Structure formats: structure tokens, C-alpha cells
PDB file of N, CA and C in Angstrom:
ATOM      1  N   MET A   1      -1.784-152.439-169.288  1.00  0.00           N
ATOM      2  CA  MET A   1      -0.412-152.267-169.550  1.00  0.00           C
ATOM      3  C   MET A   1       0.025-154.001-169.566  1.00  0.00           C
ATOM      4  N   LEU A   2       0.849-154.247-170.451  1.00  0.00           N
ATOM      5  CA  LEU A   2       1.486-155.562-170.562  1.00  0.00           C
ATOM      6  C   LEU A   2       2.704-155.280-169.967  1.00  0.00           C
ATOM      7  N   ALA A   3       3.214-156.424-169.258  1.00  0.00           N
ATOM      8  CA  ALA A   3       4.684-156.379-168.830  1.00  0.00           C
ATOM      9  C   ALA A   3       5.318-157.155-169.853  1.00  0.00           C
ATOM     10  N   ASP A   4       6.485-156.732-170.135  1.00  0.00           N
ATOM     11  CA  ASP A   4       7.555-157.317-171.236  1.00  0.00           C
ATOM     12  C   ASP A   4       8.634-158.201-170.229  1.00  0.00           C
ATOM     13  N   TRP A   5       8.364-159.543-170.280  1.00  0.00           N
ATOM     14  CA  TRP A   5       9.234-160.222-169.478  1.00  0.00           C
ATOM     15  C   TRP A   5      10.737-160.437-170.091  1.00  0.00           C
ATOM     16  N   ARG A   6      11.100-159.871-171.221  1.00  0.00           N
ATOM     17  CA  ARG A   6      12.204-160.248-171.592  1.00  0.00           C
ATOM     18  C   ARG A   6      13.383-159.735-170.831  1.00  0.00           C
ATOM     19  N   ILE A   7      13.234-158.746-169.802  1.00  0.00           N
ATOM     20  CA  ILE A   7      14.197-158.341-168.881  1.00  0.00           C
ATOM     21  C   ILE A   7      14.801-159.428-168.100  1.00  0.00           C
ATOM     22  N   ALA A   8      13.960-160.272-167.748  1.00  0.00           N
ATOM     23  CA  ALA A   8      14.377-161.605-166.821  1.00  0.00           C
ATOM     24  C   ALA A   8      15.311-162.576-167.650  1.00  0.00           C
ATOM     25  N   ARG A   9      15.130-162.352-169.013  1.00  0.00           N
ATOM     26  CA  ARG A   9      16.099-163.206-169.629  1.00  0.00           C
ATOM     27  C   ARG A   9      17.175-162.652-170.510  1.00  0.00           C
ATOM     28  N   SER A  10      17.079-161.435-170.351  1.00  0.00           N
ATOM     29  CA  SER A  10      18.353-160.469-171.216  1.00  0.00           C
ATOM     30  C   SER A  10      19.602-161.035-170.822  1.00  0.00           C
ATOM     31  N   ALA A  11      20.492-160.913-171.718  1.00  0.00           N
ATOM     32  CA  ALA A  11      21.946-161.192-171.830  1.00  0.00           C
ATOM     33  C   ALA A  11      22.690-160.517-170.413  1.00  0.00           C
ATOM     34  N   GLN A  12      22.389-159.356-170.241  1.00  0.00           N
ATOM     35  CA  GLN A  12      22.968-158.567-169.304  1.00  0.00           C
ATOM     36  C   GLN A  12      22.468-158.933-167.929  1.00  0.00           C
ATOM     37  N   THR A  13      21.263-159.330-167.761  1.00  0.00           N
ATOM     38  CA  THR A  13      20.535-159.737-166.665  1.00  0.00           C
ATOM     39  C   THR A  13      21.303-161.095-166.164  1.00  0.00           C
ATOM     40  N   SER A  14      21.384-161.959-167.096  1.00  0.00           N
ATOM     41  CA  SER A  14      22.101-163.412-166.973  1.00  0.00           C
ATOM     42  C   SER A  14      23.636-163.089-166.568  1.00  0.00           C
ATOM     43  N   GLU A  15      24.349-162.189-167.198  1.00  0.00           N
ATOM     44  CA  GLU A  15      25.572-161.976-166.678  1.00  0.00           C
ATOM     45  C   GLU A  15      25.642-161.523-165.382  1.00  0.00           C
ATOM     46  N   HIS A  16      24.900-160.638-165.019  1.00  0.00           N
ATOM     47  CA  HIS A  16      24.822-160.004-163.622  1.00  0.00           C
ATOM     48  C   HIS A  16      24.524-161.388-162.673  1.00  0.00           C
ATOM     49  N   LEU A  17      23.658-162.151-162.920  1.00  0.00           N
ATOM     50  CA  LEU A  17      23.268-163.054-162.092  1.00  0.00           C
ATOM     51  C   LEU A  17      24.313-164.286-161.963  1.00  0.00           C
ATOM     52  N   ASP A  18      24.905-164.448-163.044  1.00  0.00           N
ATOM     53  CA  ASP A  18      26.101-165.397-163.138  1.00  0.00           C
ATOM     54  C   ASP A  18      27.183-164.941-162.145  1.00  0.00           C
ATOM     55  N   TYR A  19      27.478-163.674-162.109  1.00  0.00           N
ATOM     56  CA  TYR A  19      28.591-163.048-161.347  1.00  0.00           C
ATOM     57  C   TYR A  19      28.000-163.192-159.809  1.00  0.00           C
ATOM     58  N   ILE A  20      26.687-162.909-159.612  1.00  0.00           N
ATOM     59  CA  ILE A  20      26.313-162.998-158.216  1.00  0.00           C
ATOM     60  C   ILE A  20      26.355-164.416-157.761  1.00  0.00           C
ATOM     61  N   GLU A  21      26.024-165.555-158.656  1.00  0.00           N
ATOM     62  CA  GLU A  21      25.933-166.904-158.237  1.00  0.00           C
ATOM     63  C   GLU A  21      27.403-167.508-157.887  1.00  0.00           C
ATOM     64  N   GLU A  22      28.335-166.914-158.674  1.00  0.00           N
ATOM     65  CA  GLU A  22      29.972-167.267-158.441  1.00  0.00           C
ATOM     66  C   GLU A  22      30.045-167.034-156.834  1.00  0.00           C
ATOM     67  N   GLN A  23      29.726-165.892-156.405  1.00  0.00           N
ATOM     68  CA  GLN A  23      29.802-165.335-154.943  1.00  0.00           C
ATOM     69  C   GLN A  23      28.792-166.037-154.040  1.00  0.00           C
ATOM     70  N   SER A  24      27.855-166.111-154.558  1.00  0.00           N
ATOM     71  CA  SER A  24      26.693-166.747-153.500  1.00  0.00           C
ATOM     72  C   SER A  24      25.422-167.269-154.244  1.00  0.00           C
ATOM     73  N   PRO A  25      25.246-168.416-154.338  1.00  0.00           N
ATOM     74  CA  PRO A  25      24.129-168.966-155.289  1.00  0.00           C
ATOM     75  C   PRO A  25      22.922-168.720-154.558  1.00  0.00           C
ATOM     76  N   ALA A  26      22.857-168.585-153.156  1.00  0.00           N
ATOM     77  CA  ALA A  26      21.507-168.102-152.563  1.00  0.00           C
ATOM     78  C   ALA A  26      21.161-166.747-153.059  1.00  0.00           C
ATOM     79  N   ALA A  27      22.277-166.012-153.004  1.00  0.00           N
ATOM     80  CA  ALA A  27      21.972-164.567-153.335  1.00  0.00           C
ATOM     81  C   ALA A  27      21.508-164.208-154.661  1.00  0.00           C
ATOM     82  N   ALA A  28      22.026-165.237-155.762  1.00  0.00           N
ATOM     83  CA  ALA A  28      21.598-164.966-157.061  1.00  0.00           C
ATOM     84  C   ALA A  28      20.232-165.426-156.899  1.00  0.00           C
ATOM     85  N   ASP A  29      19.761-166.604-156.450  1.00  0.00           N
ATOM     86  CA  ASP A  29      18.310-166.987-156.355  1.00  0.00           C
ATOM     87  C   ASP A  29      17.454-165.779-155.766  1.00  0.00           C
ATOM     88  N   PHE A  30      17.920-165.014-154.676  1.00  0.00           N
ATOM     89  CA  PHE A  30      17.157-164.057-154.258  1.00  0.00           C
ATOM     90  C   PHE A  30      16.879-162.907-155.063  1.00  0.00           C
ATOM     91  N   VAL A  31      17.997-162.337-155.784  1.00  0.00           N
ATOM     92  CA  VAL A  31      17.909-161.511-156.659  1.00  0.00           C
ATOM     93  C   VAL A  31      16.994-161.960-157.866  1.00  0.00           C
ATOM     94  N   PHE A  32      17.047-162.862-158.461  1.00  0.00           N
ATOM     95  CA  PHE A  32      16.266-163.483-159.615  1.00  0.00           C
ATOM     96  C   PHE A  32      14.702-163.449-159.097  1.00  0.00           C
ATOM     97  N   GLU A  33      14.383-164.079-158.012  1.00  0.00           N
ATOM     98  CA  GLU A  33      13.037-164.084-157.240  1.00  0.00           C
ATOM     99  C   GLU A  33      12.663-162.633-157.230  1.00  0.00           C
ATOM    100  N   ALA A  34      13.454-161.747-156.831  1.00  0.00           N
ATOM    101  CA  ALA A  34      13.002-160.339-156.721  1.00  0.00           C
ATOM    102  C   ALA A  34      12.694-159.603-157.948  1.00  0.00           C
ATOM    103  N   ILE A  35      13.578-159.986-159.082  1.00  0.00           N
ATOM    104  CA  ILE A  35      13.303-159.567-160.427  1.00  0.00           C
ATOM    105  C   ILE A  35      11.649-159.933-160.913  1.00  0.00           C
ATOM    106  N   ILE A  36      11.670-161.181-160.615  1.00  0.00           N
ATOM    107  CA  ILE A  36      10.246-161.758-161.072  1.00  0.00           C
ATOM    108  C   ILE A  36       9.163-161.154-160.377  1.00  0.00           C
ATOM    109  N   LYS A  37       9.342-160.976-159.105  1.00  0.00           N
ATOM    110  CA  LYS A  37       8.267-160.549-157.900  1.00  0.00           C
ATOM    111  C   LYS A  37       8.022-159.123-158.588  1.00  0.00           C
ATOM    112  N   ALA A  38       8.979-158.235-158.666  1.00  0.00           N
ATOM    113  CA  ALA A  38       8.686-157.012-159.088  1.00  0.00           C
ATOM    114  C   ALA A  38       8.125-156.784-160.392  1.00  0.00           C
ATOM    115  N   ALA A  39       8.618-157.685-161.228  1.00  0.00           N
ATOM    116  CA  ALA A  39       8.004-157.593-162.794  1.00  0.00           C
ATOM    117  C   ALA A  39       6.445-157.877-162.769  1.00  0.00           C
ATOM    118  N   ALA A  40       6.088-158.784-161.896  1.00  0.00           N
ATOM    119  CA  ALA A  40       4.768-159.463-161.717  1.00  0.00           C
ATOM    120  C   ALA A  40       3.811-158.166-161.366  1.00  0.00           C
ATOM    121  N   ALA A  41       4.353-157.169-160.669  1.00  0.00           N
ATOM    122  CA  ALA A  41       3.765-156.233-159.916  1.00  0.00           C
ATOM    123  C   ALA A  41       3.306-154.986-161.109  1.00  0.00           C
ATOM    124  N   ILE A  42       4.092-154.981-162.088  1.00  0.00           N
ATOM    125  CA  ILE A  42       3.896-153.919-163.026  1.00  0.00           C
ATOM    126  C   ILE A  42       2.532-153.761-163.620  1.00  0.00           C
ATOM    127  N   PRO A  43       1.899-154.694-164.186  1.00  0.00           N
ATOM    128  CA  PRO A  43       0.431-154.684-164.701  1.00  0.00           C
ATOM    129  C   PRO A  43      -0.306-153.790-163.746  1.00  0.00           C
ATOM    130  N   ASP A  44      -0.429-154.098-162.473  1.00  0.00           N
ATOM    131  CA  ASP A  44      -1.201-153.661-161.479  1.00  0.00           C
ATOM    132  C   ASP A  44      -0.836-152.061-160.978  1.00  0.00           C
ATOM    133  N   HIS A  45       0.408-151.845-161.169  1.00  0.00           N
ATOM    134  CA  HIS A  45       0.868-150.512-160.808  1.00  0.00           C
ATOM    135  C   HIS A  45       1.765-149.957-161.785  1.00  0.00           C
ATOM    136  N   PRO A  46       1.506-149.738-163.053  1.00  0.00           N
ATOM    137  CA  PRO A  46       2.437-149.459-164.219  1.00  0.00           C
ATOM    138  C   PRO A  46       2.970-147.916-163.924  1.00  0.00           C
ATOM    139  N   TYR A  47       2.332-147.043-163.579  1.00  0.00           N
ATOM    140  CA  TYR A  47       2.808-145.728-163.498  1.00  0.00           C
ATOM    141  C   TYR A  47       3.559-145.232-162.106  1.00  0.00           C
ATOM    142  N   VAL A  48       3.802-146.244-161.246  1.00  0.00           N
ATOM    143  CA  VAL A  48       4.536-146.136-160.029  1.00  0.00           C
ATOM    144  C   VAL A  48       6.047-145.903-160.507  1.00  0.00           C
ATOM    145  N   TYR A  49       6.348-146.376-161.612  1.00  0.00           N
ATOM    146  CA  TYR A  49       7.871-146.451-161.906  1.00  0.00           C
ATOM    147  C   TYR A  49       8.062-145.252-162.928  1.00  0.00           C
ATOM    148  N   ARG A  50       9.266-144.733-162.972  1.00  0.00           N
ATOM    149  CA  ARG A  50       9.558-143.561-163.717  1.00  0.00           C
ATOM    150  C   ARG A  50       9.424-144.053-165.258  1.00  0.00           C
ATOM    151  N   GLU A  51       9.473-142.955-166.145  1.00  0.00           N
ATOM    152  CA  GLU A  51       9.568-143.132-167.581  1.00  0.00           C
ATOM    153  C   GLU A  51      10.896-143.638-168.081  1.00  0.00           C
ATOM    154  N   GLY A  52      10.829-144.662-168.944  1.00  0.00           N
ATOM    155  CA  GLY A  52      12.065-145.078-169.430  1.00  0.00           C
ATOM    156  C   GLY A  52      12.583-144.172-170.431  1.00  0.00           C
ATOM    157  N   ARG A  53      13.945-144.501-170.765  1.00  0.00           N
ATOM    158  CA  ARG A  53      14.631-143.839-171.609  1.00  0.00           C
ATOM    159  C   ARG A  53      13.950-144.233-173.330  1.00  0.00           C
ATOM    160  N   VAL A  54      13.520-145.338-173.277  1.00  0.00           N
ATOM    161  CA  VAL A  54      13.011-145.715-174.638  1.00  0.00           C
ATOM    162  C   VAL A  54      11.543-145.401-174.388  1.00  0.00           C
ATOM    163  N   PRO A  55      11.092-144.813-175.483  1.00  0.00           N
ATOM    164  CA  PRO A  55       9.501-144.405-175.432  1.00  0.00           C
ATOM    165  C   PRO A  55       8.702-145.376-175.179  1.00  0.00           C
ATOM    166  N   ASN A  56       7.523-145.225-174.249  1.00  0.00           N
ATOM    167  CA  ASN A  56       6.432-146.166-173.990  1.00  0.00           C
ATOM    168  C   ASN A  56       7.060-147.303-173.134  1.00  0.00           C
ATOM    169  N   THR A  57       8.217-146.903-172.267  1.00  0.00           N
ATOM    170  CA  THR A  57       8.639-148.113-171.280  1.00  0.00           C
ATOM    171  C   THR A  57       8.574-147.361-169.852  1.00  0.00           C
ATOM    172  N   ARG A  58       8.886-148.103-168.783  1.00  0.00           N
ATOM    173  CA  ARG A  58       8.983-147.723-167.436  1.00  0.00           C
ATOM    174  C   ARG A  58      10.260-148.397-166.886  1.00  0.00           C
ATOM    175  N   GLU A  59      10.891-147.713-166.051  1.00  0.00           N
ATOM    176  CA  GLU A  59      12.132-148.418-165.354  1.00  0.00           C
ATOM    177  C   GLU A  59      11.911-148.508-163.845  1.00  0.00           C
ATOM    178  N   MET A  60      12.283-149.557-163.222  1.00  0.00           N
ATOM    179  CA  MET A  60      12.181-149.699-161.941  1.00  0.00           C
ATOM    180  C   MET A  60      13.312-150.208-161.119  1.00  0.00           C
ATOM    181  N   VAL A  61      13.660-150.054-159.834  1.00  0.00           N
ATOM    182  CA  VAL A  61      14.712-150.350-159.298  1.00  0.00           C
ATOM    183  C   VAL A  61      14.125-151.617-158.370  1.00  0.00           C
ATOM    184  N   VAL A  62      14.856-152.769-158.862  1.00  0.00           N
ATOM    185  CA  VAL A  62      14.328-154.045-158.048  1.00  0.00           C
ATOM    186  C   VAL A  62      15.026-154.099-156.566  1.00  0.00           C
ATOM    187  N   LEU A  63      16.207-153.937-156.545  1.00  0.00           N
ATOM    188  CA  LEU A  63      16.848-153.951-155.009  1.00  0.00           C
ATOM    189  C   LEU A  63      17.753-152.735-155.074  1.00  0.00           C
ATOM    190  N   PRO A  64      17.427-151.654-154.376  1.00  0.00           N
ATOM    191  CA  PRO A  64      18.368-150.750-154.263  1.00  0.00           C
ATOM    192  C   PRO A  64      19.722-151.088-153.483  1.00  0.00           C
ATOM    193  N   ASN A  65      20.874-150.269-153.870  1.00  0.00           N
ATOM    194  CA  ASN A  65      22.136-150.579-153.157  1.00  0.00           C
ATOM    195  C   ASN A  65      22.012-150.056-151.764  1.00  0.00           C
TER     196      ASN A  65
END
């Protein structure tokens, strides 16, 4: 299974990271690194995550609330 890295560069993700960075640059770095780390694990464990709303995709929670 190939991981699609577009999520790390999506406009919505950028907006969220920009908002977090306004409050705390260190927190924004932490969240970004968590996204990259989680995405890197997808090829090794693709079926751990639930099926996505888009066919042939998976969804994961990077940092739960």
C-alpha cells in the first residue's frame, strides 16, 4: 500500500497548523511532526486505520483530543 502524502500539504492542514502556530510555534511543530510520523507508519500497518469515506482510503487520528 502506498501512502499519499498530500494530507501533510493540504490547504486545510496548513490552515490548522497556522492557527496552532499563532498560539504556540512549538505546538505547531509537534503536531506537524506527529502527522509525518503517523503517515510514515501507514505502509507498514495500513489496515489498522478505519476505512475512509472516499473509496480505497483509510482515516487515522493523529492526536486525539
